[in-house]
Amino acid sequence: MASLADINSQIKKHDEQIAQLRKQAEDLRNQERAYVIDEVRKQIAEYGLTAADLKLSTRGAPAARGGRAPAGKAAAKYRSPTGETWSGGRGRKPRWITEALAAGKPLTDFEIK
């Protein structure tokens, strides 16, 4: 029967082997990935493909991954006397709006026309 020390020694040996195999697998994957990227670039150049042809988002991530694209900035609806802008309705009101409203000024005074 094996002792606890023997078993722990075997576990350590196997852990080292696992780490080596994981490193080898990572290296192989990186080599394969580099090859695939090179091949894809050649095909894109050969056929003159664009990001739109491949249905890629303009931010570089594939649109087909199912993730939502980040929301764009909303157009400004209000402007402070110092030039700061606010789109209105998204998130908290800026300090300059809350201070002006607290001072009794109407929101319409800041509308961008």
N, C-alpha and C. Protein backbone atom coordinates (compact mmCIF):
# COMPACT_ATOMS: atom_id res chain seq x y z
N MET A 1 0.84 -1.18 0.00
CA MET A 1 0.00 0.00 0.00
C MET A 1 0.89 1.25 0.00
N ALA A 2 0.50 2.24 -0.79
CA ALA A 2 1.28 3.46 -0.92
C ALA A 2 1.03 4.38 0.27
N SER A 3 2.07 5.09 0.64
CA SER A 3 1.93 6.03 1.75
C SER A 3 1.39 7.36 1.23
N LEU A 4 0.98 8.19 2.16
CA LEU A 4 0.47 9.51 1.80
C LEU A 4 1.55 10.33 1.09
N ALA A 5 2.78 10.19 1.54
CA ALA A 5 3.89 10.92 0.91
C ALA A 5 4.07 10.47 -0.54
N ASP A 6 3.94 9.16 -0.77
CA ASP A 6 4.06 8.63 -2.14
C ASP A 6 2.96 9.19 -3.04
N ILE A 7 1.76 9.21 -2.51
CA ILE A 7 0.62 9.72 -3.28
C ILE A 7 0.79 11.20 -3.59
N ASN A 8 1.22 11.97 -2.57
CA ASN A 8 1.45 13.41 -2.79
C ASN A 8 2.56 13.64 -3.80
N SER A 9 3.58 12.80 -3.78
CA SER A 9 4.67 12.90 -4.75
C SER A 9 4.16 12.64 -6.16
N GLN A 10 3.31 11.62 -6.30
CA GLN A 10 2.73 11.30 -7.61
C GLN A 10 1.84 12.44 -8.10
N ILE A 11 1.07 13.02 -7.19
CA ILE A 11 0.20 14.14 -7.56
C ILE A 11 1.05 15.31 -8.06
N LYS A 12 2.12 15.61 -7.35
CA LYS A 12 3.00 16.71 -7.76
C LYS A 12 3.59 16.44 -9.14
N LYS A 13 4.02 15.19 -9.35
CA LYS A 13 4.59 14.81 -10.65
C LYS A 13 3.56 14.98 -11.77
N HIS A 14 2.33 14.54 -11.51
CA HIS A 14 1.27 14.66 -12.50
C HIS A 14 0.89 16.12 -12.74
N ASP A 15 0.88 16.92 -11.67
CA ASP A 15 0.58 18.35 -11.82
C ASP A 15 1.61 19.02 -12.72
N GLU A 16 2.89 18.64 -12.55
CA GLU A 16 3.94 19.20 -13.40
C GLU A 16 3.74 18.78 -14.86
N GLN A 17 3.37 17.51 -15.06
CA GLN A 17 3.11 17.02 -16.42
C GLN A 17 1.91 17.75 -17.03
N ILE A 18 0.88 17.96 -16.24
CA ILE A 18 -0.31 18.67 -16.73
C ILE A 18 0.07 20.08 -17.14
N ALA A 19 0.88 20.76 -16.32
CA ALA A 19 1.30 22.12 -16.65
C ALA A 19 2.10 22.15 -17.95
N GLN A 20 2.99 21.16 -18.14
CA GLN A 20 3.77 21.08 -19.38
C GLN A 20 2.85 20.85 -20.59
N LEU A 21 1.89 19.95 -20.43
CA LEU A 21 0.97 19.66 -21.53
C LEU A 21 0.09 20.87 -21.85
N ARG A 22 -0.35 21.58 -20.84
CA ARG A 22 -1.14 22.80 -21.09
C ARG A 22 -0.32 23.84 -21.84
N LYS A 23 0.96 23.98 -21.48
CA LYS A 23 1.84 24.93 -22.16
C LYS A 23 2.01 24.51 -23.62
N GLN A 24 2.23 23.21 -23.85
CA GLN A 24 2.37 22.71 -25.23
C GLN A 24 1.09 22.98 -26.02
N ALA A 25 -0.05 22.73 -25.41
CA ALA A 25 -1.33 22.95 -26.09
C ALA A 25 -1.50 24.43 -26.42
N GLU A 26 -1.14 25.31 -25.50
CA GLU A 26 -1.25 26.74 -25.74
C GLU A 26 -0.33 27.17 -26.89
N ASP A 27 0.89 26.66 -26.89
CA ASP A 27 1.83 26.99 -27.97
C ASP A 27 1.31 26.53 -29.32
N LEU A 28 0.77 25.30 -29.37
CA LEU A 28 0.22 24.78 -30.63
C LEU A 28 -0.98 25.61 -31.09
N ARG A 29 -1.82 25.97 -30.14
CA ARG A 29 -2.99 26.79 -30.50
C ARG A 29 -2.54 28.14 -31.05
N ASN A 30 -1.54 28.74 -30.45
CA ASN A 30 -1.04 30.03 -30.95
C ASN A 30 -0.46 29.89 -32.35
N GLN A 31 0.25 28.79 -32.61
CA GLN A 31 0.79 28.55 -33.95
C GLN A 31 -0.34 28.37 -34.97
N GLU A 32 -1.34 27.57 -34.60
CA GLU A 32 -2.48 27.35 -35.49
C GLU A 32 -3.23 28.65 -35.73
N ARG A 33 -3.40 29.42 -34.69
CA ARG A 33 -4.12 30.69 -34.79
C ARG A 33 -3.40 31.63 -35.75
N ALA A 34 -2.07 31.70 -35.62
CA ALA A 34 -1.29 32.56 -36.51
C ALA A 34 -1.45 32.12 -37.97
N TYR A 35 -1.45 30.80 -38.19
CA TYR A 35 -1.63 30.27 -39.54
C TYR A 35 -3.01 30.64 -40.08
N VAL A 36 -4.04 30.46 -39.26
CA VAL A 36 -5.41 30.77 -39.69
C VAL A 36 -5.54 32.25 -40.02
N ILE A 37 -4.99 33.11 -39.17
CA ILE A 37 -5.06 34.55 -39.41
C ILE A 37 -4.39 34.89 -40.73
N ASP A 38 -3.23 34.29 -40.98
CA ASP A 38 -2.52 34.53 -42.24
C ASP A 38 -3.36 34.09 -43.44
N GLU A 39 -3.98 32.92 -43.34
CA GLU A 39 -4.80 32.41 -44.43
C GLU A 39 -6.03 33.30 -44.67
N VAL A 40 -6.67 33.72 -43.60
CA VAL A 40 -7.84 34.58 -43.73
C VAL A 40 -7.46 35.90 -44.38
N ARG A 41 -6.34 36.47 -43.98
CA ARG A 41 -5.87 37.73 -44.59
C ARG A 41 -5.62 37.56 -46.08
N LYS A 42 -5.04 36.43 -46.45
CA LYS A 42 -4.79 36.16 -47.88
C LYS A 42 -6.11 36.09 -48.65
N GLN A 43 -7.09 35.40 -48.08
CA GLN A 43 -8.39 35.27 -48.73
C GLN A 43 -9.09 36.63 -48.82
N ILE A 44 -9.01 37.42 -47.78
CA ILE A 44 -9.62 38.75 -47.80
C ILE A 44 -9.00 39.58 -48.91
N ALA A 45 -7.67 39.55 -49.01
CA ALA A 45 -6.99 40.31 -50.05
C ALA A 45 -7.33 39.79 -51.44
N GLU A 46 -7.36 38.47 -51.59
CA GLU A 46 -7.63 37.86 -52.89
C GLU A 46 -9.02 38.22 -53.40
N TYR A 47 -10.01 38.22 -52.51
CA TYR A 47 -11.38 38.48 -52.92
C TYR A 47 -11.83 39.91 -52.68
N GLY A 48 -10.97 40.73 -52.11
CA GLY A 48 -11.32 42.13 -51.87
C GLY A 48 -12.47 42.30 -50.88
N LEU A 49 -12.49 41.47 -49.87
CA LEU A 49 -13.59 41.51 -48.91
C LEU A 49 -13.44 42.69 -47.95
N THR A 50 -14.57 43.18 -47.47
CA THR A 50 -14.59 44.27 -46.49
C THR A 50 -15.21 43.78 -45.19
N ALA A 51 -15.10 44.60 -44.15
CA ALA A 51 -15.71 44.25 -42.86
C ALA A 51 -17.23 44.10 -43.02
N ALA A 52 -17.81 44.93 -43.88
CA ALA A 52 -19.26 44.84 -44.12
C ALA A 52 -19.61 43.51 -44.79
N ASP A 53 -18.77 43.05 -45.73
CA ASP A 53 -19.02 41.75 -46.37
C ASP A 53 -19.02 40.62 -45.34
N LEU A 54 -18.17 40.76 -44.35
CA LEU A 54 -18.03 39.72 -43.33
C LEU A 54 -18.97 39.94 -42.15
N LYS A 55 -19.78 40.98 -42.26
CA LYS A 55 -20.73 41.34 -41.20
C LYS A 55 -20.03 41.55 -39.86
N LEU A 56 -18.92 42.30 -39.92
CA LEU A 56 -18.19 42.67 -38.71
C LEU A 56 -18.61 44.05 -38.30
N SER A 57 -18.67 44.29 -36.99
CA SER A 57 -19.03 45.62 -36.52
C SER A 57 -17.87 46.56 -36.78
N THR A 58 -18.14 47.85 -36.76
CA THR A 58 -17.11 48.83 -37.01
C THR A 58 -16.12 48.91 -35.86
N ARG A 59 -16.45 48.33 -34.71
CA ARG A 59 -15.55 48.36 -33.57
C ARG A 59 -14.60 47.16 -33.58
N GLY A 60 -14.65 46.34 -34.60
CA GLY A 60 -13.70 45.26 -34.75
C GLY A 60 -14.15 43.91 -34.19
N ALA A 61 -15.25 43.87 -33.46
CA ALA A 61 -15.73 42.60 -32.94
C ALA A 61 -16.82 42.05 -33.85
N PRO A 62 -16.83 40.75 -34.08
CA PRO A 62 -17.86 40.21 -34.96
C PRO A 62 -19.26 40.48 -34.43
N ALA A 63 -20.11 40.96 -35.29
CA ALA A 63 -21.49 41.25 -34.89
C ALA A 63 -22.26 39.97 -34.63
N ALA A 64 -21.81 38.87 -35.22
CA ALA A 64 -22.53 37.61 -35.10
C ALA A 64 -22.35 36.94 -33.74
N ARG A 65 -21.54 37.49 -32.87
CA ARG A 65 -21.33 36.88 -31.55
C ARG A 65 -22.54 37.03 -30.66
N GLY A 66 -23.51 37.82 -31.06
CA GLY A 66 -24.73 37.93 -30.29
C GLY A 66 -24.70 39.02 -29.25
N GLY A 67 -23.56 39.63 -29.02
CA GLY A 67 -23.49 40.69 -28.04
C GLY A 67 -24.06 41.97 -28.62
N ARG A 68 -24.56 42.80 -27.76
CA ARG A 68 -25.09 44.08 -28.22
C ARG A 68 -23.96 45.05 -28.44
N ALA A 69 -24.09 45.84 -29.47
CA ALA A 69 -23.11 46.89 -29.71
C ALA A 69 -23.33 47.98 -28.67
N PRO A 70 -22.25 48.60 -28.21
CA PRO A 70 -22.42 49.67 -27.24
C PRO A 70 -23.29 50.79 -27.81
N ALA A 71 -24.13 51.33 -26.97
CA ALA A 71 -25.02 52.40 -27.41
C ALA A 71 -24.20 53.63 -27.78
N GLY A 72 -24.59 54.27 -28.86
CA GLY A 72 -23.90 55.48 -29.27
C GLY A 72 -24.30 56.64 -28.39
N LYS A 73 -23.56 57.71 -28.49
CA LYS A 73 -23.89 58.88 -27.70
C LYS A 73 -25.14 59.54 -28.25
N ALA A 74 -26.03 59.88 -27.36
CA ALA A 74 -27.27 60.53 -27.77
C ALA A 74 -26.98 62.00 -28.09
N ALA A 75 -27.76 62.55 -28.99
CA ALA A 75 -27.59 63.95 -29.36
C ALA A 75 -27.93 64.85 -28.17
N ALA A 76 -27.17 65.91 -28.04
CA ALA A 76 -27.38 66.85 -26.94
C ALA A 76 -28.67 67.62 -27.16
N LYS A 77 -29.45 67.78 -26.09
CA LYS A 77 -30.70 68.54 -26.14
C LYS A 77 -30.60 69.83 -25.32
N TYR A 78 -29.64 69.84 -24.39
CA TYR A 78 -29.51 70.99 -23.49
C TYR A 78 -28.05 71.43 -23.42
N ARG A 79 -27.85 72.76 -23.28
CA ARG A 79 -26.49 73.30 -23.19
C ARG A 79 -26.43 74.32 -22.06
N SER A 80 -25.37 74.23 -21.27
CA SER A 80 -25.18 75.18 -20.16
C SER A 80 -24.57 76.47 -20.71
N PRO A 81 -24.60 77.53 -19.94
CA PRO A 81 -23.96 78.78 -20.37
C PRO A 81 -22.46 78.62 -20.62
N THR A 82 -21.84 77.61 -19.98
CA THR A 82 -20.40 77.40 -20.17
C THR A 82 -20.10 76.43 -21.31
N GLY A 83 -21.15 75.92 -21.98
CA GLY A 83 -20.95 75.05 -23.14
C GLY A 83 -21.09 73.57 -22.87
N GLU A 84 -21.30 73.16 -21.62
CA GLU A 84 -21.51 71.75 -21.32
C GLU A 84 -22.86 71.32 -21.92
N THR A 85 -22.92 70.05 -22.36
CA THR A 85 -24.17 69.57 -22.97
C THR A 85 -24.69 68.36 -22.21
N TRP A 86 -25.99 68.10 -22.43
CA TRP A 86 -26.65 66.95 -21.83
C TRP A 86 -27.73 66.49 -22.79
N SER A 87 -27.87 65.17 -22.95
CA SER A 87 -28.86 64.62 -23.88
C SER A 87 -30.25 64.58 -23.26
N GLY A 88 -30.32 64.61 -21.95
CA GLY A 88 -31.61 64.57 -21.27
C GLY A 88 -32.13 63.16 -21.12
N GLY A 89 -32.52 62.81 -19.92
CA GLY A 89 -33.19 61.54 -19.70
C GLY A 89 -32.30 60.35 -19.46
N ARG A 90 -31.04 60.37 -19.83
CA ARG A 90 -30.17 59.21 -19.62
C ARG A 90 -29.35 59.41 -18.35
N GLY A 91 -29.59 58.58 -17.40
CA GLY A 91 -28.80 58.66 -16.18
C GLY A 91 -29.15 59.87 -15.33
N ARG A 92 -28.22 60.22 -14.47
CA ARG A 92 -28.43 61.35 -13.58
C ARG A 92 -28.29 62.67 -14.32
N LYS A 93 -28.99 63.64 -13.84
CA LYS A 93 -28.88 64.98 -14.41
C LYS A 93 -27.51 65.56 -14.03
N PRO A 94 -26.91 66.30 -14.94
CA PRO A 94 -25.64 66.94 -14.59
C PRO A 94 -25.84 67.98 -13.49
N ARG A 95 -24.76 68.26 -12.79
CA ARG A 95 -24.82 69.19 -11.67
C ARG A 95 -25.34 70.56 -12.11
N TRP A 96 -24.90 71.04 -13.28
CA TRP A 96 -25.32 72.37 -13.71
C TRP A 96 -26.83 72.44 -13.93
N ILE A 97 -27.44 71.32 -14.33
CA ILE A 97 -28.91 71.28 -14.50
C ILE A 97 -29.59 71.29 -13.14
N THR A 98 -29.13 70.41 -12.25
CA THR A 98 -29.78 70.33 -10.93
C THR A 98 -29.65 71.65 -10.17
N GLU A 99 -28.50 72.30 -10.30
CA GLU A 99 -28.32 73.58 -9.61
C GLU A 99 -29.22 74.66 -10.21
N ALA A 100 -29.35 74.67 -11.54
CA ALA A 100 -30.20 75.67 -12.20
C ALA A 100 -31.67 75.44 -11.84
N LEU A 101 -32.09 74.19 -11.83
CA LEU A 101 -33.48 73.88 -11.47
C LEU A 101 -33.75 74.26 -10.01
N ALA A 102 -32.77 74.00 -9.15
CA ALA A 102 -32.92 74.35 -7.74
C ALA A 102 -33.01 75.87 -7.56
N ALA A 103 -32.36 76.61 -8.47
CA ALA A 103 -32.40 78.07 -8.41
C ALA A 103 -33.68 78.63 -9.03
N GLY A 104 -34.53 77.74 -9.55
CA GLY A 104 -35.81 78.18 -10.08
C GLY A 104 -35.84 78.41 -11.59
N LYS A 105 -34.75 78.10 -12.29
CA LYS A 105 -34.73 78.28 -13.75
C LYS A 105 -35.44 77.11 -14.41
N PRO A 106 -36.19 77.36 -15.48
CA PRO A 106 -36.85 76.26 -16.18
C PRO A 106 -35.87 75.52 -17.11
N LEU A 107 -36.11 74.26 -17.32
CA LEU A 107 -35.26 73.45 -18.18
C LEU A 107 -35.26 74.00 -19.61
N THR A 108 -36.35 74.60 -20.01
CA THR A 108 -36.45 75.13 -21.38
C THR A 108 -35.42 76.23 -21.66
N ASP A 109 -34.91 76.86 -20.60
CA ASP A 109 -33.87 77.89 -20.79
C ASP A 109 -32.59 77.31 -21.38
N PHE A 110 -32.39 76.01 -21.25
CA PHE A 110 -31.15 75.38 -21.68
C PHE A 110 -31.30 74.56 -22.95
N GLU A 111 -32.50 74.53 -23.54
CA GLU A 111 -32.72 73.74 -24.75
C GLU A 111 -31.86 74.27 -25.90
N ILE A 112 -31.32 73.32 -26.66
CA ILE A 112 -30.56 73.68 -27.86
C ILE A 112 -31.59 73.82 -28.98
N LYS A 113 -31.60 74.98 -29.62
CA LYS A 113 -32.59 75.24 -30.66
C LYS A 113 -32.00 75.14 -32.03
